[in-house]
Amino acid sequence: CQRVNGSLATFTADQELRFILAQEWDLEEKAF
C-alpha cells in the first residue's frame, strides 16, 4: 500500500465503512 502512496484502509465513520461494504469489488472467488 505504501508503494502506491497509500496505507491499509482505516475508516473515519460508519458511512465510509458502509460505502466499502456496498462495493462490488473485482475479485476472484479462489482468493477466498
ModelCIF file with pLDDT and N, C-alpha, C, O atoms, coordinates in Angstrom:
data_MODEL
#
_entry.id   MODEL 
#
_entity.id                         1 
_entity.type                       polymer 
_entity.pdbx_number_of_molecules   1 
#
_entity_poly.entity_id                      1 
_entity_poly.type                           'polypeptide(L)' 
_entity_poly.nstd_linkage                   no 
_entity_poly.nstd_monomer                   no 
_entity_poly.pdbx_seq_one_letter_code       CQRVNGSLATFTADQELRFILAQEWDLEEKAF 
_entity_poly.pdbx_seq_one_letter_code_can   CQRVNGSLATFTADQELRFILAQEWDLEEKAF 
_entity_poly.pdbx_strand_id                 A 
#
loop_
_entity_poly_seq.entity_id 
_entity_poly_seq.num 
_entity_poly_seq.mon_id 
_entity_poly_seq.hetero 
1 1  CYS n 
1 2  GLN n 
1 3  ARG n 
1 4  VAL n 
1 5  ASN n 
1 6  GLY n 
1 7  SER n 
1 8  LEU n 
1 9  ALA n 
1 10 THR n 
1 11 PHE n 
1 12 THR n 
1 13 ALA n 
1 14 ASP n 
1 15 GLN n 
1 16 GLU n 
1 17 LEU n 
1 18 ARG n 
1 19 PHE n 
1 20 ILE n 
1 21 LEU n 
1 22 ALA n 
1 23 GLN n 
1 24 GLU n 
1 25 TRP n 
1 26 ASP n 
1 27 LEU n 
1 28 GLU n 
1 29 GLU n 
1 30 LYS n 
1 31 ALA n 
1 32 PHE n 
#
_struct_asym.id          A 
_struct_asym.entity_id   1 
#
loop_
_ma_qa_metric.id 
_ma_qa_metric.mode 
_ma_qa_metric.name 
_ma_qa_metric.software_group_id 
_ma_qa_metric.type 
1 global pLDDT . pLDDT 
2 local  pLDDT . pLDDT 
#
_ma_qa_metric_global.metric_id      1 
_ma_qa_metric_global.metric_value   78.59 
_ma_qa_metric_global.model_id       1 
_ma_qa_metric_global.ordinal_id     1 
#
loop_
_ma_qa_metric_local.label_asym_id 
_ma_qa_metric_local.label_comp_id 
_ma_qa_metric_local.label_seq_id 
_ma_qa_metric_local.metric_id 
_ma_qa_metric_local.metric_value 
_ma_qa_metric_local.model_id 
_ma_qa_metric_local.ordinal_id 
A CYS 1  2 92.00 1 1  
A GLN 2  2 90.00 1 2  
A ARG 3  2 90.00 1 3  
A VAL 4  2 86.00 1 4  
A ASN 5  2 84.00 1 5  
A GLY 6  2 88.00 1 6  
A SER 7  2 91.00 1 7  
A LEU 8  2 93.00 1 8  
A ALA 9  2 92.00 1 9  
A THR 10 2 91.00 1 10 
A PHE 11 2 90.00 1 11 
A THR 12 2 86.00 1 12 
A ALA 13 2 83.00 1 13 
A ASP 14 2 84.00 1 14 
A GLN 15 2 88.00 1 15 
A GLU 16 2 90.00 1 16 
A LEU 17 2 88.00 1 17 
A ARG 18 2 88.00 1 18 
A PHE 19 2 89.00 1 19 
A ILE 20 2 89.00 1 20 
A LEU 21 2 87.00 1 21 
A ALA 22 2 83.00 1 22 
A GLN 23 2 82.00 1 23 
A GLU 24 2 75.00 1 24 
A TRP 25 2 72.00 1 25 
A ASP 26 2 63.00 1 26 
A LEU 27 2 55.00 1 27 
A GLU 28 2 50.00 1 28 
A GLU 29 2 44.00 1 29 
A LYS 30 2 45.00 1 30 
A ALA 31 2 44.00 1 31 
A PHE 32 2 43.00 1 32 
#
loop_
_atom_site.group_PDB 
_atom_site.id 
_atom_site.type_symbol 
_atom_site.label_atom_id 
_atom_site.label_alt_id 
_atom_site.label_comp_id 
_atom_site.label_asym_id 
_atom_site.label_entity_id 
_atom_site.label_seq_id 
_atom_site.pdbx_PDB_ins_code 
_atom_site.Cartn_x 
_atom_site.Cartn_y 
_atom_site.Cartn_z 
_atom_site.occupancy 
_atom_site.B_iso_or_equiv 
_atom_site.pdbx_formal_charge 
_atom_site.auth_seq_id 
_atom_site.auth_comp_id 
_atom_site.auth_asym_id 
_atom_site.auth_atom_id 
_atom_site.pdbx_PDB_model_num 
ATOM 1   N N  . CYS A 1 1  ? 0.832   -1.213  0.000  1.00 92.00 ? 1  CYS A N  1 
ATOM 2   C CA . CYS A 1 1  ? 0.000   0.000   0.000  1.00 92.00 ? 1  CYS A CA 1 
ATOM 3   C C  . CYS A 1 1  ? 0.863   1.259   0.000  1.00 92.00 ? 1  CYS A C  1 
ATOM 4   O O  . CYS A 1 1  ? 0.521   2.246   -0.650 1.00 92.00 ? 1  CYS A O  1 
ATOM 5   N N  . GLN A 1 2  ? 1.967   1.227   0.718  1.00 90.00 ? 2  GLN A N  1 
ATOM 6   C CA . GLN A 1 2  ? 2.847   2.393   0.763  1.00 90.00 ? 2  GLN A CA 1 
ATOM 7   C C  . GLN A 1 2  ? 3.461   2.688   -0.598 1.00 90.00 ? 2  GLN A C  1 
ATOM 8   O O  . GLN A 1 2  ? 3.700   3.847   -0.938 1.00 90.00 ? 2  GLN A O  1 
ATOM 9   N N  . ARG A 1 3  ? 3.715   1.646   -1.374 1.00 90.00 ? 3  ARG A N  1 
ATOM 10  C CA . ARG A 1 3  ? 4.325   1.842   -2.698 1.00 90.00 ? 3  ARG A CA 1 
ATOM 11  C C  . ARG A 1 3  ? 3.383   2.554   -3.670 1.00 90.00 ? 3  ARG A C  1 
ATOM 12  O O  . ARG A 1 3  ? 3.833   3.117   -4.668 1.00 90.00 ? 3  ARG A O  1 
ATOM 13  N N  . VAL A 1 4  ? 2.095   2.532   -3.388 1.00 86.00 ? 4  VAL A N  1 
ATOM 14  C CA . VAL A 1 4  ? 1.141   3.261   -4.239 1.00 86.00 ? 4  VAL A CA 1 
ATOM 15  C C  . VAL A 1 4  ? 0.641   4.516   -3.528 1.00 86.00 ? 4  VAL A C  1 
ATOM 16  O O  . VAL A 1 4  ? -0.460  4.998   -3.793 1.00 86.00 ? 4  VAL A O  1 
ATOM 17  N N  . ASN A 1 5  ? 1.479   5.043   -2.609 1.00 84.00 ? 5  ASN A N  1 
ATOM 18  C CA . ASN A 1 5  ? 1.174   6.288   -1.880 1.00 84.00 ? 5  ASN A CA 1 
ATOM 19  C C  . ASN A 1 5  ? -0.081  6.167   -1.024 1.00 84.00 ? 5  ASN A C  1 
ATOM 20  O O  . ASN A 1 5  ? -0.845  7.123   -0.889 1.00 84.00 ? 5  ASN A O  1 
ATOM 21  N N  . GLY A 1 6  ? -0.286  4.986   -0.449 1.00 88.00 ? 6  GLY A N  1 
ATOM 22  C CA . GLY A 1 6  ? -1.445  4.784   0.402  1.00 88.00 ? 6  GLY A CA 1 
ATOM 23  C C  . GLY A 1 6  ? -1.081  4.037   1.666  1.00 88.00 ? 6  GLY A C  1 
ATOM 24  O O  . GLY A 1 6  ? 0.086   3.986   2.053  1.00 88.00 ? 6  GLY A O  1 
ATOM 25  N N  . SER A 1 7  ? -2.081  3.460   2.308  1.00 91.00 ? 7  SER A N  1 
ATOM 26  C CA . SER A 1 7  ? -1.901  2.662   3.515  1.00 91.00 ? 7  SER A CA 1 
ATOM 27  C C  . SER A 1 7  ? -3.035  1.654   3.581  1.00 91.00 ? 7  SER A C  1 
ATOM 28  O O  . SER A 1 7  ? -4.019  1.770   2.851  1.00 91.00 ? 7  SER A O  1 
ATOM 29  N N  . LEU A 1 8  ? -2.897  0.658   4.461  1.00 93.00 ? 8  LEU A N  1 
ATOM 30  C CA . LEU A 1 8  ? -4.032  -0.230  4.694  1.00 93.00 ? 8  LEU A CA 1 
ATOM 31  C C  . LEU A 1 8  ? -5.203  0.608   5.202  1.00 93.00 ? 8  LEU A C  1 
ATOM 32  O O  . LEU A 1 8  ? -5.024  1.502   6.029  1.00 93.00 ? 8  LEU A O  1 
ATOM 33  N N  . ALA A 1 9  ? -6.390  0.314   4.705  1.00 92.00 ? 9  ALA A N  1 
ATOM 34  C CA . ALA A 1 9  ? -7.540  1.187   4.935  1.00 92.00 ? 9  ALA A CA 1 
ATOM 35  C C  . ALA A 1 9  ? -7.968  1.207   6.398  1.00 92.00 ? 9  ALA A C  1 
ATOM 36  O O  . ALA A 1 9  ? -8.068  0.170   7.054  1.00 92.00 ? 9  ALA A O  1 
ATOM 37  N N  . THR A 1 10 ? -8.216  2.417   6.886  1.00 91.00 ? 10 THR A N  1 
ATOM 38  C CA . THR A 1 10 ? -8.940  2.627   8.131  1.00 91.00 ? 10 THR A CA 1 
ATOM 39  C C  . THR A 1 10 ? -10.123 3.527   7.806  1.00 91.00 ? 10 THR A C  1 
ATOM 40  O O  . THR A 1 10 ? -10.179 4.114   6.726  1.00 91.00 ? 10 THR A O  1 
ATOM 41  N N  . PHE A 1 11 ? -11.064 3.637   8.729  1.00 90.00 ? 11 PHE A N  1 
ATOM 42  C CA . PHE A 1 11 ? -12.325 4.307   8.417  1.00 90.00 ? 11 PHE A CA 1 
ATOM 43  C C  . PHE A 1 11 ? -12.625 5.395   9.440  1.00 90.00 ? 11 PHE A C  1 
ATOM 44  O O  . PHE A 1 11 ? -12.381 5.232   10.636 1.00 90.00 ? 11 PHE A O  1 
ATOM 45  N N  . THR A 1 12 ? -13.160 6.506   8.945  1.00 86.00 ? 12 THR A N  1 
ATOM 46  C CA . THR A 1 12 ? -13.444 7.644   9.804  1.00 86.00 ? 12 THR A CA 1 
ATOM 47  C C  . THR A 1 12 ? -14.827 7.574   10.428 1.00 86.00 ? 12 THR A C  1 
ATOM 48  O O  . THR A 1 12 ? -15.048 8.141   11.497 1.00 86.00 ? 12 THR A O  1 
ATOM 49  N N  . ALA A 1 13 ? -15.756 6.893   9.785  1.00 83.00 ? 13 ALA A N  1 
ATOM 50  C CA . ALA A 1 13 ? -17.138 6.873   10.269 1.00 83.00 ? 13 ALA A CA 1 
ATOM 51  C C  . ALA A 1 13 ? -17.873 5.691   9.663  1.00 83.00 ? 13 ALA A C  1 
ATOM 52  O O  . ALA A 1 13 ? -17.376 5.040   8.743  1.00 83.00 ? 13 ALA A O  1 
ATOM 53  N N  . ASP A 1 14 ? -19.072 5.418   10.191 1.00 84.00 ? 14 ASP A N  1 
ATOM 54  C CA . ASP A 1 14 ? -19.888 4.318   9.684  1.00 84.00 ? 14 ASP A CA 1 
ATOM 55  C C  . ASP A 1 14 ? -20.220 4.497   8.198  1.00 84.00 ? 14 ASP A C  1 
ATOM 56  O O  . ASP A 1 14 ? -20.307 3.520   7.454  1.00 84.00 ? 14 ASP A O  1 
ATOM 57  N N  . GLN A 1 15 ? -20.404 5.755   7.775  1.00 88.00 ? 15 GLN A N  1 
ATOM 58  C CA . GLN A 1 15 ? -20.769 5.995   6.380  1.00 88.00 ? 15 GLN A CA 1 
ATOM 59  C C  . GLN A 1 15 ? -19.681 5.501   5.429  1.00 88.00 ? 15 GLN A C  1 
ATOM 60  O O  . GLN A 1 15 ? -19.978 4.936   4.377  1.00 88.00 ? 15 GLN A O  1 
ATOM 61  N N  . GLU A 1 16 ? -18.434 5.715   5.801  1.00 90.00 ? 16 GLU A N  1 
ATOM 62  C CA . GLU A 1 16 ? -17.334 5.255   4.956  1.00 90.00 ? 16 GLU A CA 1 
ATOM 63  C C  . GLU A 1 16 ? -17.287 3.735   4.922  1.00 90.00 ? 16 GLU A C  1 
ATOM 64  O O  . GLU A 1 16 ? -17.073 3.146   3.863  1.00 90.00 ? 16 GLU A O  1 
ATOM 65  N N  . LEU A 1 17 ? -17.484 3.103   6.059  1.00 88.00 ? 17 LEU A N  1 
ATOM 66  C CA . LEU A 1 17 ? -17.493 1.642   6.104  1.00 88.00 ? 17 LEU A CA 1 
ATOM 67  C C  . LEU A 1 17 ? -18.646 1.093   5.272  1.00 88.00 ? 17 LEU A C  1 
ATOM 68  O O  . LEU A 1 17 ? -18.475 0.098   4.567  1.00 88.00 ? 17 LEU A O  1 
ATOM 69  N N  . ARG A 1 18 ? -19.809 1.719   5.343  1.00 88.00 ? 18 ARG A N  1 
ATOM 70  C CA . ARG A 1 18 ? -20.945 1.252   4.538  1.00 88.00 ? 18 ARG A CA 1 
ATOM 71  C C  . ARG A 1 18 ? -20.639 1.370   3.045  1.00 88.00 ? 18 ARG A C  1 
ATOM 72  O O  . ARG A 1 18 ? -21.049 0.520   2.255  1.00 88.00 ? 18 ARG A O  1 
ATOM 73  N N  . PHE A 1 19 ? -19.922 2.416   2.662  1.00 89.00 ? 19 PHE A N  1 
ATOM 74  C CA . PHE A 1 19 ? -19.517 2.556   1.263  1.00 89.00 ? 19 PHE A CA 1 
ATOM 75  C C  . PHE A 1 19 ? -18.640 1.378   0.844  1.00 89.00 ? 19 PHE A C  1 
ATOM 76  O O  . PHE A 1 19 ? -18.836 0.811   -0.231 1.00 89.00 ? 19 PHE A O  1 
ATOM 77  N N  . ILE A 1 20 ? -17.684 1.013   1.679  1.00 89.00 ? 20 ILE A N  1 
ATOM 78  C CA . ILE A 1 20 ? -16.789 -0.103  1.375  1.00 89.00 ? 20 ILE A CA 1 
ATOM 79  C C  . ILE A 1 20 ? -17.571 -1.406  1.249  1.00 89.00 ? 20 ILE A C  1 
ATOM 80  O O  . ILE A 1 20 ? -17.341 -2.182  0.321  1.00 89.00 ? 20 ILE A O  1 
ATOM 81  N N  . LEU A 1 21 ? -18.485 -1.646  2.169  1.00 87.00 ? 21 LEU A N  1 
ATOM 82  C CA . LEU A 1 21 ? -19.241 -2.900  2.170  1.00 87.00 ? 21 LEU A CA 1 
ATOM 83  C C  . LEU A 1 21 ? -20.171 -3.005  0.967  1.00 87.00 ? 21 LEU A C  1 
ATOM 84  O O  . LEU A 1 21 ? -20.478 -4.108  0.516  1.00 87.00 ? 21 LEU A O  1 
ATOM 85  N N  . ALA A 1 22 ? -20.621 -1.864  0.445  1.00 83.00 ? 22 ALA A N  1 
ATOM 86  C CA . ALA A 1 22 ? -21.580 -1.880  -0.670 1.00 83.00 ? 22 ALA A CA 1 
ATOM 87  C C  . ALA A 1 22 ? -20.915 -2.069  -2.028 1.00 83.00 ? 22 ALA A C  1 
ATOM 88  O O  . ALA A 1 22 ? -21.600 -2.326  -3.018 1.00 83.00 ? 22 ALA A O  1 
ATOM 89  N N  . GLN A 1 23 ? -19.587 -1.945  -2.088 1.00 82.00 ? 23 GLN A N  1 
ATOM 90  C CA . GLN A 1 23 ? -18.908 -2.039  -3.384 1.00 82.00 ? 23 GLN A CA 1 
ATOM 91  C C  . GLN A 1 23 ? -18.873 -3.470  -3.897 1.00 82.00 ? 23 GLN A C  1 
ATOM 92  O O  . GLN A 1 23 ? -18.776 -4.426  -3.128 1.00 82.00 ? 23 GLN A O  1 
ATOM 93  N N  . GLU A 1 24 ? -18.954 -3.589  -5.208 1.00 75.00 ? 24 GLU A N  1 
ATOM 94  C CA . GLU A 1 24 ? -18.784 -4.896  -5.842 1.00 75.00 ? 24 GLU A CA 1 
ATOM 95  C C  . GLU A 1 24 ? -17.350 -4.953  -6.368 1.00 75.00 ? 24 GLU A C  1 
ATOM 96  O O  . GLU A 1 24 ? -17.077 -4.609  -7.518 1.00 75.00 ? 24 GLU A O  1 
ATOM 97  N N  . TRP A 1 25 ? -16.455 -5.391  -5.509 1.00 72.00 ? 25 TRP A N  1 
ATOM 98  C CA . TRP A 1 25 ? -15.039 -5.411  -5.847 1.00 72.00 ? 25 TRP A CA 1 
ATOM 99  C C  . TRP A 1 25 ? -14.767 -6.452  -6.924 1.00 72.00 ? 25 TRP A C  1 
ATOM 100 O O  . TRP A 1 25 ? -15.408 -7.502  -6.964 1.00 72.00 ? 25 TRP A O  1 
ATOM 101 N N  . ASP A 1 26 ? -13.820 -6.153  -7.787 1.00 63.00 ? 26 ASP A N  1 
ATOM 102 C CA . ASP A 1 26 ? -13.435 -7.083  -8.851 1.00 63.00 ? 26 ASP A CA 1 
ATOM 103 C C  . ASP A 1 26 ? -12.498 -8.137  -8.270 1.00 63.00 ? 26 ASP A C  1 
ATOM 104 O O  . ASP A 1 26 ? -11.276 -7.997  -8.302 1.00 63.00 ? 26 ASP A O  1 
ATOM 105 N N  . LEU A 1 27 ? -13.103 -9.188  -7.741 1.00 55.00 ? 27 LEU A N  1 
ATOM 106 C CA . LEU A 1 27 ? -12.331 -10.200 -7.036 1.00 55.00 ? 27 LEU A CA 1 
ATOM 107 C C  . LEU A 1 27 ? -12.552 -11.573 -7.642 1.00 55.00 ? 27 LEU A C  1 
ATOM 108 O O  . LEU A 1 27 ? -13.576 -11.847 -8.268 1.00 55.00 ? 27 LEU A O  1 
ATOM 109 N N  . GLU A 1 28 ? -11.553 -12.431 -7.435 1.00 50.00 ? 28 GLU A N  1 
ATOM 110 C CA . GLU A 1 28 ? -11.665 -13.816 -7.882 1.00 50.00 ? 28 GLU A CA 1 
ATOM 111 C C  . GLU A 1 28 ? -12.119 -14.675 -6.709 1.00 50.00 ? 28 GLU A C  1 
ATOM 112 O O  . GLU A 1 28 ? -11.677 -14.492 -5.574 1.00 50.00 ? 28 GLU A O  1 
ATOM 113 N N  . GLU A 1 29 ? -12.993 -15.597 -7.003 1.00 44.00 ? 29 GLU A N  1 
ATOM 114 C CA . GLU A 1 29 ? -13.526 -16.442 -5.936 1.00 44.00 ? 29 GLU A CA 1 
ATOM 115 C C  . GLU A 1 29 ? -12.434 -17.258 -5.255 1.00 44.00 ? 29 GLU A C  1 
ATOM 116 O O  . GLU A 1 29 ? -12.495 -17.502 -4.050 1.00 44.00 ? 29 GLU A O  1 
ATOM 117 N N  . LYS A 1 30 ? -11.431 -17.681 -6.031 1.00 45.00 ? 30 LYS A N  1 
ATOM 118 C CA . LYS A 1 30 ? -10.402 -18.544 -5.459 1.00 45.00 ? 30 LYS A CA 1 
ATOM 119 C C  . LYS A 1 30 ? -9.541  -17.835 -4.421 1.00 45.00 ? 30 LYS A C  1 
ATOM 120 O O  . LYS A 1 30 ? -8.784  -18.479 -3.694 1.00 45.00 ? 30 LYS A O  1 
ATOM 121 N N  . ALA A 1 31 ? -9.657  -16.493 -4.347 1.00 44.00 ? 31 ALA A N  1 
ATOM 122 C CA . ALA A 1 31 ? -8.862  -15.746 -3.382 1.00 44.00 ? 31 ALA A CA 1 
ATOM 123 C C  . ALA A 1 31 ? -9.452  -15.839 -1.974 1.00 44.00 ? 31 ALA A C  1 
ATOM 124 O O  . ALA A 1 31 ? -8.861  -15.322 -1.026 1.00 44.00 ? 31 ALA A O  1 
ATOM 125 N N  . PHE A 1 32 ? -10.602 -16.487 -1.823 1.00 43.00 ? 32 PHE A N  1 
ATOM 126 C CA . PHE A 1 32 ? -11.274 -16.523 -0.536 1.00 43.00 ? 32 PHE A CA 1 
ATOM 127 C C  . PHE A 1 32 ? -11.675 -17.949 -0.194 1.00 43.00 ? 32 PHE A C  1 
ATOM 128 O O  . PHE A 1 32 ? -12.259 -18.190 0.862  1.00 43.00 ? 32 PHE A O  1 
#
